[in-house]
PDB file of N, CA and C in Angstrom:
ATOM      1  N   MET A   1     259.764  14.698 339.387  1.00  0.00           N
ATOM      2  CA  MET A   1     258.514  13.765 339.504  1.00  0.00           C
ATOM      3  C   MET A   1     258.341  12.563 340.146  1.00  0.00           C
ATOM      4  N   ASP A   2     257.244  12.885 341.009  1.00  0.00           N
ATOM      5  CA  ASP A   2     257.165  11.611 341.679  1.00  0.00           C
ATOM      6  C   ASP A   2     256.608  10.256 340.029  1.00  0.00           C
ATOM      7  N   ASP A   3     257.251   9.192 340.973  1.00  0.00           N
ATOM      8  CA  ASP A   3     256.797   8.054 340.173  1.00  0.00           C
ATOM      9  C   ASP A   3     255.449   7.634 339.655  1.00  0.00           C
ATOM     10  N   ASP A   4     254.377   8.356 340.442  1.00  0.00           N
ATOM     11  CA  ASP A   4     253.323   7.769 340.331  1.00  0.00           C
ATOM     12  C   ASP A   4     252.589   9.025 338.854  1.00  0.00           C
ATOM     13  N   THR A   5     252.652  10.317 339.261  1.00  0.00           N
ATOM     14  CA  THR A   5     252.805  11.288 338.102  1.00  0.00           C
ATOM     15  C   THR A   5     253.140  10.768 336.800  1.00  0.00           C
ATOM     16  N   LEU A   6     254.894  10.488 337.105  1.00  0.00           N
ATOM     17  CA  LEU A   6     255.029   9.447 335.448  1.00  0.00           C
ATOM     18  C   LEU A   6     254.234   8.799 335.087  1.00  0.00           C
ATOM     19  N   ALA A   7     253.913   8.032 335.988  1.00  0.00           N
ATOM     20  CA  ALA A   7     253.621   6.505 335.046  1.00  0.00           C
ATOM     21  C   ALA A   7     251.880   7.019 334.429  1.00  0.00           C
ATOM     22  N   ALA A   8     251.459   7.791 335.153  1.00  0.00           N
ATOM     23  CA  ALA A   8     249.917   8.795 334.699  1.00  0.00           C
ATOM     24  C   ALA A   8     250.352   9.508 333.225  1.00  0.00           C
ATOM     25  N   ALA A   9     251.525  10.289 333.272  1.00  0.00           N
ATOM     26  CA  ALA A   9     251.594  10.690 332.520  1.00  0.00           C
ATOM     27  C   ALA A   9     252.386  10.038 330.948  1.00  0.00           C
ATOM     28  N   LEU A  10     252.428   9.351 331.126  1.00  0.00           N
ATOM     29  CA  LEU A  10     253.125   7.898 329.858  1.00  0.00           C
ATOM     30  C   LEU A  10     251.605   6.950 329.718  1.00  0.00           C
ATOM     31  N   LEU A  11     250.612   7.012 330.692  1.00  0.00           N
ATOM     32  CA  LEU A  11     249.554   6.232 329.898  1.00  0.00           C
ATOM     33  C   LEU A  11     248.673   6.949 329.417  1.00  0.00           C
ATOM     34  N   ILE A  12     248.173   7.873 329.958  1.00  0.00           N
ATOM     35  CA  ILE A  12     247.529   9.158 329.348  1.00  0.00           C
ATOM     36  C   ILE A  12     248.004   9.919 327.975  1.00  0.00           C
ATOM     37  N   GLY A  13     249.402   9.806 327.427  1.00  0.00           N
ATOM     38  CA  GLY A  13     250.501  10.534 326.628  1.00  0.00           C
ATOM     39  C   GLY A  13     250.035   9.082 325.776  1.00  0.00           C
ATOM     40  N   ASN A  14     249.893   7.881 325.854  1.00  0.00           N
ATOM     41  CA  ASN A  14     250.098   6.813 325.167  1.00  0.00           C
ATOM     42  C   ASN A  14     248.817   6.719 323.861  1.00  0.00           C
ATOM     43  N   GLU A  15     247.855   7.165 325.196  1.00  0.00           N
ATOM     44  CA  GLU A  15     246.262   6.795 324.795  1.00  0.00           C
ATOM     45  C   GLU A  15     246.048   7.662 323.661  1.00  0.00           C
ATOM     46  N   LEU A  16     246.169   8.665 324.040  1.00  0.00           N
ATOM     47  CA  LEU A  16     246.382  10.390 323.128  1.00  0.00           C
ATOM     48  C   LEU A  16     246.896   9.880 321.790  1.00  0.00           C
ATOM     49  N   VAL A  17     248.127   9.777 321.723  1.00  0.00           N
ATOM     50  CA  VAL A  17     249.347   9.261 320.733  1.00  0.00           C
ATOM     51  C   VAL A  17     248.386   8.522 319.770  1.00  0.00           C
ATOM     52  N   THR A  18     247.740   7.537 320.550  1.00  0.00           N
ATOM     53  CA  THR A  18     246.794   6.178 319.932  1.00  0.00           C
ATOM     54  C   THR A  18     246.263   6.958 318.838  1.00  0.00           C
ATOM     55  N   ASN A  19     245.287   7.707 319.800  1.00  0.00           N
ATOM     56  CA  ASN A  19     244.436   7.854 319.080  1.00  0.00           C
ATOM     57  C   ASN A  19     244.595   9.271 317.533  1.00  0.00           C
ATOM     58  N   ALA A  20     245.486   9.378 317.990  1.00  0.00           N
ATOM     59  CA  ALA A  20     246.034  10.608 317.266  1.00  0.00           C
ATOM     60  C   ALA A  20     246.466   9.657 315.489  1.00  0.00           C
ATOM     61  N   VAL A  21     247.214   8.638 316.176  1.00  0.00           N
ATOM     62  CA  VAL A  21     247.344   7.974 314.956  1.00  0.00           C
ATOM     63  C   VAL A  21     245.970   7.152 314.147  1.00  0.00           C
ATOM     64  N   ARG A  22     245.343   6.704 314.998  1.00  0.00           N
ATOM     65  CA  ARG A  22     244.276   5.618 314.748  1.00  0.00           C
ATOM     66  C   ARG A  22     243.210   6.948 313.560  1.00  0.00           C
ATOM     67  N   HIS A  23     243.216   8.009 314.082  1.00  0.00           N
ATOM     68  CA  HIS A  23     241.690   9.115 314.236  1.00  0.00           C
ATOM     69  C   HIS A  23     242.239   9.796 312.996  1.00  0.00           C
ATOM     70  N   GLY A  24     243.361  10.135 313.513  1.00  0.00           N
ATOM     71  CA  GLY A  24     243.882  12.104 313.286  1.00  0.00           C
ATOM     72  C   GLY A  24     244.648  11.853 311.727  1.00  0.00           C
ATOM     73  N   GLN A  25     245.152  12.602 311.686  1.00  0.00           N
ATOM     74  CA  GLN A  25     245.908  13.263 310.528  1.00  0.00           C
ATOM     75  C   GLN A  25     247.397  13.293 310.979  1.00  0.00           C
ATOM     76  N   ARG A  26     247.846  13.663 309.415  1.00  0.00           N
ATOM     77  CA  ARG A  26     249.890  13.465 310.396  1.00  0.00           C
ATOM     78  C   ARG A  26     249.944  14.779 309.622  1.00  0.00           C
ATOM     79  N   PRO A  27     251.034  15.497 310.471  1.00  0.00           N
ATOM     80  CA  PRO A  27     252.160  14.327 311.234  1.00  0.00           C
ATOM     81  C   PRO A  27     251.500  14.827 312.512  1.00  0.00           C
ATOM     82  N   VAL A  28     251.585  14.132 313.500  1.00  0.00           N
ATOM     83  CA  VAL A  28     251.489  13.888 314.832  1.00  0.00           C
ATOM     84  C   VAL A  28     252.310  14.525 315.748  1.00  0.00           C
ATOM     85  N   ALA A  29     252.080  15.485 316.563  1.00  0.00           N
ATOM     86  CA  ALA A  29     253.262  16.437 317.571  1.00  0.00           C
ATOM     87  C   ALA A  29     253.020  15.995 318.691  1.00  0.00           C
ATOM     88  N   VAL A  30     253.832  16.101 319.669  1.00  0.00           N
ATOM     89  CA  VAL A  30     253.502  15.769 321.113  1.00  0.00           C
ATOM     90  C   VAL A  30     254.695  16.890 321.562  1.00  0.00           C
ATOM     91  N   THR A  31     253.793  17.857 322.576  1.00  0.00           N
ATOM     92  CA  THR A  31     254.925  18.506 323.435  1.00  0.00           C
ATOM     93  C   THR A  31     254.495  18.588 324.768  1.00  0.00           C
ATOM     94  N   ALA A  32     255.284  18.559 325.657  1.00  0.00           N
ATOM     95  CA  ALA A  32     255.334  18.277 326.989  1.00  0.00           C
ATOM     96  C   ALA A  32     255.683  19.972 327.514  1.00  0.00           C
ATOM     97  N   THR A  33     255.254  20.200 328.725  1.00  0.00           N
ATOM     98  CA  THR A  33     256.009  21.355 328.990  1.00  0.00           C
ATOM     99  C   THR A  33     255.584  21.606 331.258  1.00  0.00           C
ATOM    100  N   LEU A  34     256.892  21.287 331.523  1.00  0.00           N
ATOM    101  CA  LEU A  34     256.859  21.103 333.040  1.00  0.00           C
ATOM    102  C   LEU A  34     256.880  22.749 333.572  1.00  0.00           C
ATOM    103  N   THR A  35     256.095  22.660 334.711  1.00  0.00           N
ATOM    104  CA  THR A  35     255.755  24.283 335.827  1.00  0.00           C
ATOM    105  C   THR A  35     256.483  23.663 336.856  1.00  0.00           C
ATOM    106  N   PRO A  36     256.342  24.562 337.175  1.00  0.00           N
ATOM    107  CA  PRO A  36     256.248  24.189 338.943  1.00  0.00           C
ATOM    108  C   PRO A  36     255.343  23.555 339.609  1.00  0.00           C
ATOM    109  N   SER A  37     254.383  23.758 338.611  1.00  0.00           N
ATOM    110  CA  SER A  37     253.207  23.326 339.509  1.00  0.00           C
ATOM    111  C   SER A  37     252.626  22.039 338.856  1.00  0.00           C
ATOM    112  N   ALA A  38     252.501  21.673 337.215  1.00  0.00           N
ATOM    113  CA  ALA A  38     251.787  20.767 336.762  1.00  0.00           C
ATOM    114  C   ALA A  38     252.590  20.657 335.692  1.00  0.00           C
ATOM    115  N   LEU A  39     252.713  19.227 334.948  1.00  0.00           N
ATOM    116  CA  LEU A  39     252.729  19.052 333.796  1.00  0.00           C
ATOM    117  C   LEU A  39     251.741  18.796 332.604  1.00  0.00           C
ATOM    118  N   ARG A  40     252.148  19.577 331.769  1.00  0.00           N
ATOM    119  CA  ARG A  40     250.937  19.905 330.610  1.00  0.00           C
ATOM    120  C   ARG A  40     251.907  19.117 329.194  1.00  0.00           C
ATOM    121  N   VAL A  41     250.518  18.241 328.794  1.00  0.00           N
ATOM    122  CA  VAL A  41     251.239  17.608 327.550  1.00  0.00           C
ATOM    123  C   VAL A  41     250.417  18.209 326.304  1.00  0.00           C
ATOM    124  N   GLU A  42     250.569  18.033 325.346  1.00  0.00           N
ATOM    125  CA  GLU A  42     249.282  18.798 324.326  1.00  0.00           C
ATOM    126  C   GLU A  42     249.666  17.032 323.288  1.00  0.00           C
ATOM    127  N   VAL A  43     249.149  16.805 322.573  1.00  0.00           N
ATOM    128  CA  VAL A  43     249.090  16.184 321.200  1.00  0.00           C
ATOM    129  C   VAL A  43     248.256  16.387 319.990  1.00  0.00           C
ATOM    130  N   GLY A  44     248.697  16.998 319.315  1.00  0.00           N
ATOM    131  CA  GLY A  44     248.470  17.358 317.970  1.00  0.00           C
ATOM    132  C   GLY A  44     248.381  16.738 316.905  1.00  0.00           C
ATOM    133  N   GLY A  45     247.733  16.699 316.038  1.00  0.00           N
ATOM    134  CA  GLY A  45     247.568  16.169 314.724  1.00  0.00           C
ATOM    135  C   GLY A  45     245.601  15.274 314.574  1.00  0.00           C
ATOM    136  N   LEU A  46     245.480  15.792 314.911  1.00  0.00           N
ATOM    137  CA  LEU A  46     243.572  15.543 315.057  1.00  0.00           C
ATOM    138  C   LEU A  46     242.642  16.144 314.279  1.00  0.00           C
ATOM    139  N   GLU A  47     241.772  15.920 313.850  1.00  0.00           N
ATOM    140  CA  GLU A  47     240.952  16.358 313.246  1.00  0.00           C
ATOM    141  C   GLU A  47     240.017  17.443 313.910  1.00  0.00           C
ATOM    142  N   ALA A  48     239.654  18.478 313.641  1.00  0.00           N
ATOM    143  CA  ALA A  48     239.668  19.713 314.401  1.00  0.00           C
ATOM    144  C   ALA A  48     237.775  19.674 314.165  1.00  0.00           C
ATOM    145  N   THR A  49     237.608  18.321 315.189  1.00  0.00           N
ATOM    146  CA  THR A  49     235.931  18.276 315.349  1.00  0.00           C
ATOM    147  C   THR A  49     236.103  17.915 317.039  1.00  0.00           C
ATOM    148  N   ASP A  50     234.314  17.942 317.308  1.00  0.00           N
ATOM    149  CA  ASP A  50     234.565  17.888 319.088  1.00  0.00           C
ATOM    150  C   ASP A  50     234.737  16.691 319.293  1.00  0.00           C
ATOM    151  N   LEU A  51     236.185  16.259 320.406  1.00  0.00           N
ATOM    152  CA  LEU A  51     236.368  15.172 320.836  1.00  0.00           C
ATOM    153  C   LEU A  51     235.751  14.978 322.349  1.00  0.00           C
ATOM    154  N   ARG A  52     234.809  14.056 322.687  1.00  0.00           N
ATOM    155  CA  ARG A  52     234.544  14.123 323.870  1.00  0.00           C
ATOM    156  C   ARG A  52     234.537  12.818 324.640  1.00  0.00           C
ATOM    157  N   PRO A  53     234.728  12.484 325.486  1.00  0.00           N
ATOM    158  CA  PRO A  53     234.238  11.116 326.120  1.00  0.00           C
ATOM    159  C   PRO A  53     232.920  10.033 325.449  1.00  0.00           C
ATOM    160  N   LEU A  54     233.490   8.775 325.241  1.00  0.00           N
ATOM    161  CA  LEU A  54     232.370   8.137 324.519  1.00  0.00           C
ATOM    162  C   LEU A  54     231.582   7.294 325.818  1.00  0.00           C
ATOM    163  N   GLN A  55     230.088   7.374 325.477  1.00  0.00           N
ATOM    164  CA  GLN A  55     229.451   6.024 325.899  1.00  0.00           C
ATOM    165  C   GLN A  55     229.991   4.712 325.611  1.00  0.00           C
ATOM    166  N   THR A  56     230.320   3.966 326.619  1.00  0.00           N
ATOM    167  CA  THR A  56     230.742   2.904 325.838  1.00  0.00           C
ATOM    168  C   THR A  56     230.072   1.766 326.731  1.00  0.00           C
ATOM    169  N   ILE A  57     229.754   0.485 325.787  1.00  0.00           N
ATOM    170  CA  ILE A  57     229.830  -0.472 326.767  1.00  0.00           C
ATOM    171  C   ILE A  57     230.266  -1.566 327.314  1.00  0.00           C
ATOM    172  N   ASP A  58     229.967  -2.411 328.180  1.00  0.00           N
ATOM    173  CA  ASP A  58     231.126  -2.956 328.533  1.00  0.00           C
ATOM    174  C   ASP A  58     232.271  -3.624 327.927  1.00  0.00           C
ATOM    175  N   SER A  59     231.245  -4.361 327.096  1.00  0.00           N
ATOM    176  CA  SER A  59     232.022  -5.104 326.167  1.00  0.00           C
ATOM    177  C   SER A  59     233.010  -5.044 325.052  1.00  0.00           C
ATOM    178  N   SER A  60     233.092  -3.166 324.985  1.00  0.00           N
ATOM    179  CA  SER A  60     233.352  -2.334 323.253  1.00  0.00           C
ATOM    180  C   SER A  60     234.822  -2.919 324.037  1.00  0.00           C
ATOM    181  N   GLU A  61     235.613  -2.576 323.067  1.00  0.00           N
ATOM    182  CA  GLU A  61     237.230  -2.403 323.176  1.00  0.00           C
ATOM    183  C   GLU A  61     237.932  -1.161 323.259  1.00  0.00           C
ATOM    184  N   SER A  62     237.284  -0.196 322.210  1.00  0.00           N
ATOM    185  CA  SER A  62     237.499   1.250 322.072  1.00  0.00           C
ATOM    186  C   SER A  62     236.795   2.040 322.772  1.00  0.00           C
ATOM    187  N   GLY A  63     236.961   3.246 322.624  1.00  0.00           N
ATOM    188  CA  GLY A  63     236.412   4.097 322.822  1.00  0.00           C
ATOM    189  C   GLY A  63     236.588   4.631 324.638  1.00  0.00           C
ATOM    190  N   ARG A  64     237.349   4.456 325.305  1.00  0.00           N
ATOM    191  CA  ARG A  64     237.700   4.561 326.201  1.00  0.00           C
ATOM    192  C   ARG A  64     239.024   5.621 326.913  1.00  0.00           C
ATOM    193  N   GLY A  65     239.489   6.059 325.271  1.00  0.00           N
ATOM    194  CA  GLY A  65     240.374   6.467 325.578  1.00  0.00           C
ATOM    195  C   GLY A  65     240.661   8.145 326.438  1.00  0.00           C
ATOM    196  N   LEU A  66     239.460   8.824 325.870  1.00  0.00           N
ATOM    197  CA  LEU A  66     239.371   9.842 326.697  1.00  0.00           C
ATOM    198  C   LEU A  66     238.900  10.001 328.254  1.00  0.00           C
ATOM    199  N   GLN A  67     238.226   8.685 328.458  1.00  0.00           N
ATOM    200  CA  GLN A  67     237.694   8.385 330.079  1.00  0.00           C
ATOM    201  C   GLN A  67     239.268   8.339 330.639  1.00  0.00           C
ATOM    202  N   ILE A  68     240.225   7.534 330.233  1.00  0.00           N
ATOM    203  CA  ILE A  68     240.969   7.296 331.020  1.00  0.00           C
ATOM    204  C   ILE A  68     241.385   8.663 331.181  1.00  0.00           C
ATOM    205  N   VAL A  69     241.608   9.732 330.334  1.00  0.00           N
ATOM    206  CA  VAL A  69     242.291  11.237 330.224  1.00  0.00           C
ATOM    207  C   VAL A  69     241.610  11.936 331.100  1.00  0.00           C
ATOM    208  N   ALA A  70     240.301  11.756 331.175  1.00  0.00           N
ATOM    209  CA  ALA A  70     239.672  12.465 332.696  1.00  0.00           C
ATOM    210  C   ALA A  70     239.751  12.237 334.006  1.00  0.00           C
ATOM    211  N   ALA A  71     239.975  10.490 334.069  1.00  0.00           N
ATOM    212  CA  ALA A  71     239.703   9.694 335.039  1.00  0.00           C
ATOM    213  C   ALA A  71     241.363  10.366 336.187  1.00  0.00           C
ATOM    214  N   LEU A  72     242.409  10.274 335.053  1.00  0.00           N
ATOM    215  CA  LEU A  72     243.567  10.098 335.738  1.00  0.00           C
ATOM    216  C   LEU A  72     244.473  11.481 335.727  1.00  0.00           C
ATOM    217  N   SER A  73     244.054  12.418 334.603  1.00  0.00           N
ATOM    218  CA  SER A  73     244.509  13.634 335.138  1.00  0.00           C
ATOM    219  C   SER A  73     243.776  14.863 335.807  1.00  0.00           C
ATOM    220  N   GLY A  74     244.301  15.429 335.737  1.00  0.00           N
ATOM    221  CA  GLY A  74     244.097  17.012 336.773  1.00  0.00           C
ATOM    222  C   GLY A  74     243.172  17.653 335.901  1.00  0.00           C
ATOM    223  N   GLY A  75     243.381  17.925 334.672  1.00  0.00           N
ATOM    224  CA  GLY A  75     242.312  18.077 333.932  1.00  0.00           C
ATOM    225  C   GLY A  75     242.919  18.665 332.346  1.00  0.00           C
ATOM    226  N   TRP A  76     241.672  18.251 331.419  1.00  0.00           N
ATOM    227  CA  TRP A  76     242.190  17.962 330.274  1.00  0.00           C
ATOM    228  C   TRP A  76     241.254  19.038 328.913  1.00  0.00           C
ATOM    229  N   GLY A  77     241.756  19.153 327.989  1.00  0.00           N
ATOM    230  CA  GLY A  77     240.627  19.575 326.567  1.00  0.00           C
ATOM    231  C   GLY A  77     241.253  19.628 325.458  1.00  0.00           C
ATOM    232  N   THR A  78     240.573  20.166 324.772  1.00  0.00           N
ATOM    233  CA  THR A  78     241.054  20.190 323.427  1.00  0.00           C
ATOM    234  C   THR A  78     241.069  21.485 322.498  1.00  0.00           C
ATOM    235  N   THR A  79     241.912  21.928 321.636  1.00  0.00           N
ATOM    236  CA  THR A  79     242.429  23.126 321.024  1.00  0.00           C
ATOM    237  C   THR A  79     242.136  22.791 319.479  1.00  0.00           C
ATOM    238  N   ARG A  80     241.498  24.055 318.679  1.00  0.00           N
ATOM    239  CA  ARG A  80     241.425  23.816 317.460  1.00  0.00           C
ATOM    240  C   ARG A  80     242.234  25.134 316.711  1.00  0.00           C
ATOM    241  N   SER A  81     241.995  24.544 315.488  1.00  0.00           N
ATOM    242  CA  SER A  81     243.117  25.917 314.453  1.00  0.00           C
ATOM    243  C   SER A  81     242.413  25.370 313.089  1.00  0.00           C
ATOM    244  N   PRO A  82     242.695  26.362 312.165  1.00  0.00           N
ATOM    245  CA  PRO A  82     241.868  25.961 310.808  1.00  0.00           C
ATOM    246  C   PRO A  82     242.613  25.005 310.345  1.00  0.00           C
ATOM    247  N   VAL A  83     243.921  24.286 310.567  1.00  0.00           N
ATOM    248  CA  VAL A  83     244.595  22.837 310.291  1.00  0.00           C
ATOM    249  C   VAL A  83     244.193  21.753 311.128  1.00  0.00           C
ATOM    250  N   GLY A  84     243.672  22.079 312.043  1.00  0.00           N
ATOM    251  CA  GLY A  84     243.505  20.865 313.069  1.00  0.00           C
ATOM    252  C   GLY A  84     243.124  20.856 314.553  1.00  0.00           C
ATOM    253  N   GLY A  85     243.659  20.039 315.361  1.00  0.00           N
ATOM    254  CA  GLY A  85     243.373  20.007 316.542  1.00  0.00           C
ATOM    255  C   GLY A  85     244.156  19.808 317.539  1.00  0.00           C
ATOM    256  N   SER A  86     244.052  19.365 318.715  1.00  0.00           N
ATOM    257  CA  SER A  86     244.848  18.810 319.770  1.00  0.00           C
ATOM    258  C   SER A  86     244.015  18.699 321.264  1.00  0.00           C
ATOM    259  N   VAL A  87     244.719  17.722 321.981  1.00  0.00           N
ATOM    260  CA  VAL A  87     244.175  17.391 323.222  1.00  0.00           C
ATOM    261  C   VAL A  87     245.441  17.389 323.792  1.00  0.00           C
ATOM    262  N   TRP A  88     245.079  17.859 325.170  1.00  0.00           N
ATOM    263  CA  TRP A  88     245.829  18.510 326.037  1.00  0.00           C
ATOM    264  C   TRP A  88     245.199  18.205 327.389  1.00  0.00           C
ATOM    265  N   PHE A  89     246.130  17.376 328.543  1.00  0.00           N
ATOM    266  CA  PHE A  89     246.545  16.881 329.908  1.00  0.00           C
ATOM    267  C   PHE A  89     247.173  17.943 330.845  1.00  0.00           C
ATOM    268  N   GLU A  90     247.037  18.074 331.903  1.00  0.00           N
ATOM    269  CA  GLU A  90     247.842  18.303 332.896  1.00  0.00           C
ATOM    270  C   GLU A  90     247.507  17.201 333.957  1.00  0.00           C
ATOM    271  N   LEU A  91     248.633  17.107 334.612  1.00  0.00           N
ATOM    272  CA  LEU A  91     248.860  16.696 335.615  1.00  0.00           C
ATOM    273  C   LEU A  91     249.476  17.359 337.008  1.00  0.00           C
ATOM    274  N   PRO A  92     248.916  17.520 338.244  1.00  0.00           N
ATOM    275  CA  PRO A  92     249.395  18.777 339.315  1.00  0.00           C
ATOM    276  C   PRO A  92     250.775  17.569 339.238  1.00  0.00           C
ATOM    277  N   ARG A  93     251.515  18.633 339.815  1.00  0.00           N
ATOM    278  CA  ARG A  93     253.264  18.192 339.761  1.00  0.00           C
ATOM    279  C   ARG A  93     253.521  18.169 341.552  1.00  0.00           C
ATOM    280  N   ARG A  94     253.492  16.767 341.924  1.00  0.00           N
ATOM    281  CA  ARG A  94     254.066  16.671 343.350  1.00  0.00           C
ATOM    282  C   ARG A  94     255.807  16.922 343.325  1.00  0.00           C
ATOM    283  N   PRO A  95     256.528  17.275 344.451  1.00  0.00           N
ATOM    284  CA  PRO A  95     257.538  16.953 344.561  1.00  0.00           C
ATOM    285  C   PRO A  95     258.092  15.356 345.220  1.00  0.00           C
ATOM    286  N   PRO A  96     259.324  14.523 344.467  1.00  0.00           N
ATOM    287  CA  PRO A  96     259.520  13.557 344.412  1.00  0.00           C
ATOM    288  C   PRO A  96     259.552  12.777 346.221  1.00  0.00           C
ATOM    289  N   GLY A  97     258.836  12.095 346.854  1.00  0.00           N
ATOM    290  CA  GLY A  97     258.879  11.436 348.202  1.00  0.00           C
ATOM    291  C   GLY A  97     257.810  12.228 348.807  1.00  0.00           C
ATOM    292  N   ALA A  98     257.085  12.925 348.066  1.00  0.00           N
ATOM    293  CA  ALA A  98     255.566  13.596 348.503  1.00  0.00           C
ATOM    294  C   ALA A  98     254.414  12.448 348.831  1.00  0.00           C
ATOM    295  N   LEU A  99     254.250  12.673 350.148  1.00  0.00           N
ATOM    296  CA  LEU A  99     252.725  12.083 350.251  1.00  0.00           C
ATOM    297  C   LEU A  99     251.691  12.042 349.602  1.00  0.00           C
ATOM    298  N   HIS A 100     250.840  10.797 349.272  1.00  0.00           N
ATOM    299  CA  HIS A 100     250.117  10.980 348.232  1.00  0.00           C
ATOM    300  C   HIS A 100     248.650  11.199 349.158  1.00  0.00           C
ATOM    301  N   SER A 101     247.838  12.306 348.383  1.00  0.00           N
ATOM    302  CA  SER A 101     246.814  12.698 348.908  1.00  0.00           C
ATOM    303  C   SER A 101     245.652  12.407 349.270  1.00  0.00           C
TER     304      SER A 101
END
């Protein structure tokens, strides 16, 4: 994977793990799957509630995590189960050295 994709994955993953630790339930689990076309990361341990980007004001220091996920990822969503939920994101995979589009 190229450095930009890896940096985005680390930033987005950090946001989701931070949200899970601050607002979720234990245990927090992270799963990463690399396919020929994308990297998919799922962070579990969240409440089974509707997760969506919040409208924030400029002076707010929180509420931007899912906005970052939406802005940097190729797609994201939530998965619910009877015992909790998870948030996932995907990043398109570019081979190392590929030109940015």
